[in-house]
Amino acid sequence: MLITVAILAVLRTAARDVFRRLLDAIDPALVAAAETTLAAEPGVTAVRSVKMRWIGHRIHADAELDIDPSTSLTNAHQIAHDAEHALTHAIPKLSSALVHAYPASPTT
């Protein structure tokens, strides 16, 4: 009886994990870690959004960042590139990230 209960518990956990993956569910702690990582990057004034999803056994992220509107295009690109690099190293199984840099609005 005890073995049956253990098998059912393992099966339940495995089925739940597979179902979540099928729905592209990402652990909220990973999204929070991504937001924290991006917000800590020099030049980033705010993180507008972070979206993550599973693609096979790897994670992909899309992020939108606010930066100072007086930043040059070249520097804005470098900030986005550095943020992408930091993100791919901070999040396990993250294989790609697309980071957009937007000029921060005066109210941000």
Protein backbone atom coordinates (compact mmCIF):
# COMPACT_ATOMS: atom_id res chain seq x y z
CA MET A 1 0.00 0.00 0.00
CA LEU A 2 2.80 2.42 0.90
CA ILE A 3 4.53 1.78 -2.42
CA THR A 4 1.29 2.49 -4.29
CA VAL A 5 0.89 5.84 -2.50
CA ALA A 6 4.50 6.77 -3.29
CA ILE A 7 4.06 5.85 -6.96
CA LEU A 8 0.85 7.89 -7.17
CA ALA A 9 2.56 10.90 -5.55
CA VAL A 10 5.43 10.76 -8.05
CA LEU A 11 3.02 10.28 -10.94
CA ARG A 12 0.93 13.26 -9.81
CA THR A 13 3.99 15.52 -9.62
CA ALA A 14 5.26 14.38 -13.01
CA ALA A 15 1.85 14.84 -14.64
CA ARG A 16 1.52 18.33 -13.13
CA ASP A 17 4.97 19.35 -14.39
CA VAL A 18 4.30 18.02 -17.90
CA PHE A 19 0.91 19.78 -18.03
CA ARG A 20 2.48 23.08 -16.95
CA ARG A 21 5.17 22.76 -19.60
CA LEU A 22 2.53 22.11 -22.24
CA LEU A 23 0.95 25.42 -21.23
CA ASP A 24 4.36 27.17 -21.26
CA ALA A 25 4.13 27.82 -17.51
CA ILE A 26 7.20 29.47 -16.03
CA ASP A 27 7.97 29.49 -12.32
CA PRO A 28 7.11 33.00 -11.04
CA ALA A 29 10.42 33.02 -9.16
CA LEU A 30 12.26 32.87 -12.51
CA VAL A 31 10.31 35.87 -13.81
CA ALA A 32 11.04 37.77 -10.60
CA ALA A 33 14.74 36.90 -10.89
CA ALA A 34 14.74 38.13 -14.49
CA GLU A 35 13.11 41.43 -13.50
CA THR A 36 15.62 41.91 -10.68
CA THR A 37 18.55 41.14 -12.98
CA LEU A 38 17.35 43.56 -15.65
CA ALA A 39 16.56 46.35 -13.17
CA ALA A 40 20.09 46.12 -11.76
CA GLU A 41 21.71 46.79 -15.14
CA PRO A 42 23.36 50.22 -15.50
CA GLY A 43 21.27 52.53 -17.65
CA VAL A 44 17.96 50.76 -17.02
CA THR A 45 15.48 53.08 -15.29
CA ALA A 46 12.58 50.59 -15.21
CA VAL A 47 11.52 47.17 -16.42
CA ARG A 48 8.26 47.47 -18.36
CA SER A 49 7.66 43.77 -18.83
CA VAL A 50 9.27 40.37 -18.89
CA LYS A 51 7.63 37.45 -20.68
CA MET A 52 9.13 33.99 -20.61
CA ARG A 53 8.11 30.70 -22.18
CA TRP A 54 9.39 27.21 -22.70
CA ILE A 55 10.49 26.19 -26.17
CA GLY A 56 11.33 22.53 -25.91
CA HIS A 57 13.72 22.14 -22.99
CA ARG A 58 14.93 25.74 -23.10
CA ILE A 59 13.44 29.07 -22.03
CA HIS A 60 13.02 32.17 -24.20
CA ALA A 61 12.44 35.65 -22.78
CA ASP A 62 11.12 38.93 -24.16
CA ALA A 63 11.79 42.03 -22.09
CA GLU A 64 10.97 45.71 -22.41
CA LEU A 65 13.16 48.22 -20.61
CA ASP A 66 12.93 51.96 -20.02
CA ILE A 67 16.13 53.95 -20.36
CA ASP A 68 16.92 57.64 -20.10
CA PRO A 69 15.50 59.34 -23.22
CA SER A 70 18.69 61.37 -23.66
CA THR A 71 20.69 58.16 -24.20
CA SER A 72 22.14 57.86 -27.69
CA LEU A 73 20.95 55.08 -29.96
CA THR A 74 24.37 53.43 -29.75
CA ASN A 75 24.34 53.48 -25.95
CA ALA A 76 20.72 52.30 -25.82
CA HIS A 77 21.66 49.34 -27.99
CA GLN A 78 24.62 48.56 -25.72
CA ILE A 79 22.41 48.73 -22.61
CA ALA A 80 19.94 46.30 -24.19
CA HIS A 81 22.76 43.99 -25.27
CA ASP A 82 24.34 44.02 -21.79
CA ALA A 83 20.95 43.37 -20.19
CA GLU A 84 20.40 40.40 -22.51
CA HIS A 85 23.82 39.02 -21.63
CA ALA A 86 23.20 39.38 -17.87
CA LEU A 87 19.79 37.74 -18.23
CA THR A 88 21.09 34.69 -20.11
CA HIS A 89 23.64 34.11 -17.35
CA ALA A 90 21.22 34.70 -14.46
CA ILE A 91 18.36 32.41 -15.53
CA PRO A 92 18.96 28.66 -15.78
CA LYS A 93 17.96 27.09 -19.12
CA LEU A 94 17.47 30.52 -20.72
CA SER A 95 18.87 30.13 -24.22
CA SER A 96 17.65 33.33 -25.85
CA ALA A 97 16.28 36.71 -24.93
CA LEU A 98 14.99 39.60 -26.97
CA VAL A 99 15.41 42.90 -25.11
CA HIS A 100 13.75 46.10 -26.27
CA ALA A 101 14.91 49.49 -24.98
CA TYR A 102 12.37 52.32 -24.87
CA PRO A 103 12.89 55.92 -23.85
CA ALA A 104 11.46 56.41 -20.35
CA SER A 105 8.49 58.74 -20.22
CA PRO A 106 8.70 61.76 -17.90
CA THR A 107 6.24 60.10 -15.49
CA THR A 108 8.34 56.91 -15.14
